Amino acid sequence: MLNNKVEIIYTIGFTGTTAENFFERLKKNNVLKLIDTRLNNKSQLSGFAKQNDLKFFLKKILNIEYIHEPKFAPTEEILKKFRKKEINWQAYEKMYHKLISEREVEKIISLKELNNSCLMCSESSEKFCHRKILSEYLGNKHNSLSIIHL
């Protein structure tokens, strides 16, 4: 009998939400591992999302593993150009996609390890966020990967 199991990867942002809402979304979806895709995980954008605090809360509240993977993050140069409006979203997407392709990020974490994991960054919505590009890239590399944005 063939295994038709579909692997699921989630994405989540923390800006503009409460700690309660953030952790409840992870719990409701049975997330096993949170992969922090920020370049700087010491950000104070949200009190509960600073590196060591987040790692502690995830383990203590939900028994979720925390991993910071800077190779999943855009470079400081790409971020600055986008924030300063030197490039538009389409250019940002192309630059970031080229970067993760060159880094071969699909080889960093196996499909099995990605299952029930959640890619996290600061943006509240995935619409204009690198986690959307990253999850779609990984989805294309692993045909059985389904993406759910929380």
Foldseek 3Di string as FASTA:
>chain_A
DDDLDFFEEEEAADAPDDPVVVVVVLQVLVAAEEEEAELQQCDVSDVCRRVVNVQVCCCVPPNHHYHYDPLLYDDPVLVVCDVVVVDDLVVSLVNSLVSCVVVVVCVVADSVRRGSYYYYDHDRDPPSPSVVSSQVVNCVVPVSYDYHYD
